[in-house]
Amino acid sequence: MRIRQMGFSSRLKAHRNILTLETLKFIVEFVADGNARLAALRSGIPAAYASRYGAWLKRHAMVKAALERDLDERDLKQLQRSVAEIETQMEKCRGILGLDEPRELL
């Protein structure tokens, strides 16, 4: 029996009902300029996957729902501040857990 690694599309399907930090960043970036590939790149998606991931995220139910809302400039700035706060907290957590330090090979 051969065990397959979960592929790109399987990971995307598995996370369709979960709002990840990457998806939140994509929404904020996509609302700002409307370019899915560039929004994916700016949200931390590797360049090799940016076009495909951006195109998929545009059709993602959560992203569609967010884009259907009429967000004004104030809402966008508030979202950007919230994402920055989340990233700051993530960095603190990484530091506490020692995940920023280089790992030794065993």
Protein backbone atom coordinates (compact mmCIF):
# COMPACT_ATOMS: atom_id res chain seq x y z
CA MET A 1 0.00 0.00 0.00
CA ARG A 2 1.35 3.37 -1.00
CA ILE A 3 0.78 6.39 1.22
CA ARG A 4 0.48 9.67 -0.63
CA GLN A 5 1.45 12.99 0.80
CA MET A 6 -1.46 15.36 0.98
CA GLY A 7 -1.26 17.47 -2.17
CA PHE A 8 -1.82 21.16 -2.72
CA SER A 9 -5.50 20.89 -3.67
CA SER A 10 -6.24 18.53 -0.77
CA ARG A 11 -4.76 20.99 1.70
CA LEU A 12 -6.88 23.76 0.23
CA LYS A 13 -10.05 21.69 0.47
CA ALA A 14 -9.24 20.69 4.04
CA HIS A 15 -8.96 24.35 5.06
CA ARG A 16 -11.97 25.75 3.22
CA ASN A 17 -13.91 26.36 6.45
CA ILE A 18 -11.00 27.69 8.49
CA LEU A 19 -9.95 31.34 8.43
CA THR A 20 -6.17 31.17 8.48
CA LEU A 21 -3.80 34.09 8.91
CA GLU A 22 -2.73 33.60 5.28
CA THR A 23 -6.35 33.83 4.09
CA LEU A 24 -6.99 36.90 6.22
CA LYS A 25 -3.86 38.59 4.85
CA PHE A 26 -4.94 37.67 1.32
CA ILE A 27 -8.37 39.24 1.83
CA VAL A 28 -6.85 42.48 3.13
CA GLU A 29 -4.31 42.63 0.30
CA PHE A 30 -6.84 41.68 -2.39
CA VAL A 31 -9.32 44.32 -1.26
CA ALA A 32 -6.53 46.90 -1.47
CA ASP A 33 -5.67 46.37 -5.16
CA GLY A 34 -7.78 43.55 -6.68
CA ASN A 35 -4.78 41.58 -8.01
CA ALA A 36 -4.98 37.98 -6.73
CA ARG A 37 -1.40 36.97 -7.60
CA LEU A 38 0.18 40.03 -5.97
CA ALA A 39 -2.13 39.75 -2.98
CA ALA A 40 -1.06 36.11 -2.54
CA LEU A 41 2.61 37.08 -2.75
CA ARG A 42 2.20 39.87 -0.19
CA SER A 43 0.29 37.57 2.14
CA GLY A 44 3.22 35.18 2.32
CA ILE A 45 2.39 32.59 -0.33
CA PRO A 46 5.52 31.27 -2.09
CA ALA A 47 5.99 32.66 -5.61
CA ALA A 48 5.70 29.18 -7.13
CA TYR A 49 2.10 28.87 -5.88
CA ALA A 50 1.00 32.53 -5.84
CA SER A 51 -0.99 32.55 -9.09
CA ARG A 52 -2.75 29.25 -8.44
CA TYR A 53 -3.38 29.94 -4.76
CA GLY A 54 -4.59 33.48 -5.49
CA ALA A 55 -7.01 32.25 -8.15
CA TRP A 56 -8.31 29.58 -5.78
CA LEU A 57 -8.69 32.00 -2.89
CA LYS A 58 -10.74 34.39 -5.05
CA ARG A 59 -13.33 31.60 -5.35
CA HIS A 60 -13.05 30.60 -1.67
CA ALA A 61 -16.40 30.97 0.14
CA MET A 62 -14.96 33.03 2.99
CA VAL A 63 -13.14 35.36 0.63
CA LYS A 64 -16.25 35.80 -1.53
CA ALA A 65 -18.31 36.63 1.55
CA ALA A 66 -15.71 39.17 2.71
CA LEU A 67 -15.50 40.77 -0.74
CA GLU A 68 -19.29 41.10 -0.97
CA ARG A 69 -19.24 43.48 1.98
CA ASP A 70 -18.85 47.14 1.17
CA LEU A 71 -15.61 47.89 3.00
CA ASP A 72 -14.64 51.51 3.17
CA GLU A 73 -11.16 52.93 3.75
CA ARG A 74 -11.67 52.96 7.53
CA ASP A 75 -12.61 49.26 7.57
CA LEU A 76 -9.56 48.40 5.46
CA LYS A 77 -7.23 50.31 7.79
CA GLN A 78 -8.78 48.59 10.80
CA LEU A 79 -8.26 45.18 9.14
CA GLN A 80 -4.64 46.04 8.37
CA ARG A 81 -4.03 47.09 12.00
CA SER A 82 -5.66 43.89 13.26
CA VAL A 83 -3.50 41.72 11.00
CA ALA A 84 -0.38 43.57 12.20
CA GLU A 85 -1.40 42.94 15.83
CA ILE A 86 -1.95 39.24 15.11
CA GLU A 87 1.48 39.01 13.46
CA THR A 88 3.07 40.70 16.50
CA GLN A 89 1.41 38.20 18.83
CA MET A 90 2.50 35.30 16.58
CA GLU A 91 6.11 36.53 16.79
CA LYS A 92 5.86 36.67 20.59
CA CYS A 93 4.51 33.11 20.66
CA ARG A 94 7.30 31.89 18.36
CA GLY A 95 9.84 33.51 20.66
CA ILE A 96 8.33 31.94 23.78
CA LEU A 97 8.25 28.52 22.11
CA GLY A 98 11.74 28.90 20.67
CA LEU A 99 10.52 28.39 17.10
CA ASP A 100 12.62 31.26 15.71
CA GLU A 101 15.88 29.67 16.76
CA PRO A 102 17.72 27.47 14.24
CA ARG A 103 17.03 23.81 14.91
CA GLU A 104 19.88 21.40 15.43
CA LEU A 105 20.03 18.33 13.24
CA LEU A 106 19.58 15.13 15.19
